[in-house]
Amino acid sequence: MLLITYPDGSVFQLSPILLQGTFFKNFFIPGILLTMVGSINMAAVFSTMQRSRDQYNWSLAGGILICGWIIVQIIMIQTFYWLQFLYLSVGVLVILLSIQLKGKWIV
């Protein structure tokens, strides 16, 4: 949400140079996309807390969005940081756990 409010990236000390080679002029659109990724993952948290029937679907969607975000980010900025590897690993782990638990939930 802060990237939407401060699209110049100053609140996180992000340089607009990071966006060179992309079609983004500032961090507004990436902020909107990250808010959507975070919202889906929050929906997964709340649905898991409520033991909803769709809890594993939400977490699977969240894991896919995290992985998709990081892969597109790496491709667009053409740089790889250690934190991206961490988030990609967490996204893959969420996907694998969701698939495993979803299979057990159905049976």
Protein backbone atom coordinates (compact mmCIF):
# COMPACT_ATOMS: atom_id res chain seq x y z
CA MET A 1 0.00 0.00 0.00
CA LEU A 2 2.93 2.33 0.66
CA LEU A 3 4.15 1.95 -2.92
CA ILE A 4 0.75 3.16 -4.10
CA THR A 5 0.86 6.12 -1.73
CA TYR A 6 4.51 6.95 -2.48
CA PRO A 7 5.06 5.72 -6.05
CA ASP A 8 8.55 7.23 -6.21
CA GLY A 9 9.75 4.42 -3.91
CA SER A 10 11.21 6.86 -1.39
CA VAL A 11 9.49 5.27 1.60
CA PHE A 12 11.46 2.04 0.97
CA GLN A 13 14.51 3.85 -0.38
CA LEU A 14 13.96 2.25 -3.79
CA SER A 15 15.63 3.88 -6.73
CA PRO A 16 13.60 4.39 -9.93
CA ILE A 17 16.70 3.03 -11.68
CA LEU A 18 15.40 -0.43 -10.67
CA LEU A 19 12.56 0.09 -13.13
CA GLN A 20 14.80 0.76 -16.12
CA GLY A 21 14.10 -1.72 -18.86
CA THR A 22 10.51 -2.20 -17.68
CA PHE A 23 7.40 -0.39 -18.86
CA PHE A 24 6.82 1.09 -15.39
CA LYS A 25 7.65 4.74 -14.82
CA ASN A 26 7.20 4.51 -11.05
CA PHE A 27 6.19 1.98 -8.39
CA PHE A 28 2.43 2.67 -8.50
CA ILE A 29 1.39 -0.31 -10.69
CA PRO A 30 3.83 -2.71 -8.97
CA GLY A 31 2.33 -1.50 -5.67
CA ILE A 32 -1.17 -2.37 -6.87
CA LEU A 33 -0.02 -5.80 -8.03
CA LEU A 34 1.79 -6.48 -4.75
CA THR A 35 -1.33 -5.45 -2.83
CA MET A 36 -3.29 -8.03 -4.82
CA VAL A 37 -0.68 -10.72 -4.09
CA GLY A 38 -0.79 -9.84 -0.40
CA SER A 39 -4.59 -9.77 -0.34
CA ILE A 40 -4.85 -13.27 -1.80
CA ASN A 41 -2.37 -14.54 0.77
CA MET A 42 -4.31 -12.83 3.58
CA ALA A 43 -7.48 -14.49 2.27
CA ALA A 44 -5.59 -17.79 2.52
CA VAL A 45 -4.67 -17.04 6.14
CA PHE A 46 -8.24 -16.17 7.13
CA SER A 47 -9.75 -19.12 5.28
CA THR A 48 -7.29 -21.44 7.01
CA MET A 49 -8.13 -19.94 10.40
CA GLN A 50 -11.82 -20.58 9.71
CA ARG A 51 -11.14 -24.09 8.39
CA SER A 52 -12.92 -23.16 5.18
CA ARG A 53 -13.43 -25.78 2.51
CA ASP A 54 -11.47 -23.58 0.10
CA GLN A 55 -8.50 -23.01 2.42
CA TYR A 56 -6.06 -24.98 0.30
CA ASN A 57 -7.29 -23.39 -2.92
CA TRP A 58 -6.56 -19.94 -1.47
CA SER A 59 -3.11 -20.97 -0.29
CA LEU A 60 -2.36 -22.59 -3.65
CA ALA A 61 -3.38 -19.38 -5.42
CA GLY A 62 -1.23 -17.37 -3.03
CA GLY A 63 1.82 -19.57 -3.64
CA ILE A 64 1.35 -19.36 -7.41
CA LEU A 65 1.07 -15.58 -7.25
CA ILE A 66 4.22 -15.27 -5.13
CA CYS A 67 6.19 -17.43 -7.55
CA GLY A 68 4.75 -15.63 -10.57
CA TRP A 69 5.56 -12.24 -9.09
CA ILE A 70 9.17 -13.16 -8.35
CA ILE A 71 9.77 -14.84 -11.73
CA VAL A 72 8.36 -11.86 -13.64
CA GLN A 73 10.36 -9.50 -11.42
CA ILE A 74 13.61 -11.35 -12.13
CA ILE A 75 12.90 -11.34 -15.86
CA MET A 76 11.95 -7.66 -15.96
CA ILE A 77 14.71 -6.15 -13.83
CA GLN A 78 17.28 -8.73 -14.98
CA THR A 79 18.83 -8.88 -11.54
CA PHE A 80 18.72 -11.57 -8.89
CA TYR A 81 18.80 -10.75 -5.19
CA TRP A 82 18.99 -13.26 -2.32
CA LEU A 83 15.57 -12.16 -1.06
CA GLN A 84 14.01 -13.16 -4.38
CA PHE A 85 15.41 -16.66 -3.93
CA LEU A 86 13.91 -16.78 -0.43
CA TYR A 87 10.46 -15.66 -1.61
CA LEU A 88 10.55 -18.03 -4.57
CA SER A 89 11.44 -20.90 -2.22
CA VAL A 90 8.59 -19.97 0.13
CA GLY A 91 6.18 -19.77 -2.82
CA VAL A 92 7.19 -23.22 -4.07
CA LEU A 93 6.88 -24.62 -0.54
CA VAL A 94 3.39 -23.14 -0.17
CA ILE A 95 2.36 -24.64 -3.52
CA LEU A 96 3.69 -28.09 -2.63
CA LEU A 97 2.16 -28.08 0.84
CA SER A 98 -1.18 -26.87 -0.51
CA ILE A 99 -1.30 -29.63 -3.09
CA GLN A 100 -0.32 -32.25 -0.50
CA LEU A 101 -2.85 -31.06 2.09
CA LYS A 102 -5.59 -30.56 -0.50
CA GLY A 103 -5.24 -34.18 -1.54
CA LYS A 104 -5.61 -35.33 2.06
CA TRP A 105 -8.58 -33.02 2.61
CA ILE A 106 -10.50 -34.57 -0.30
CA VAL A 107 -9.90 -38.15 0.82
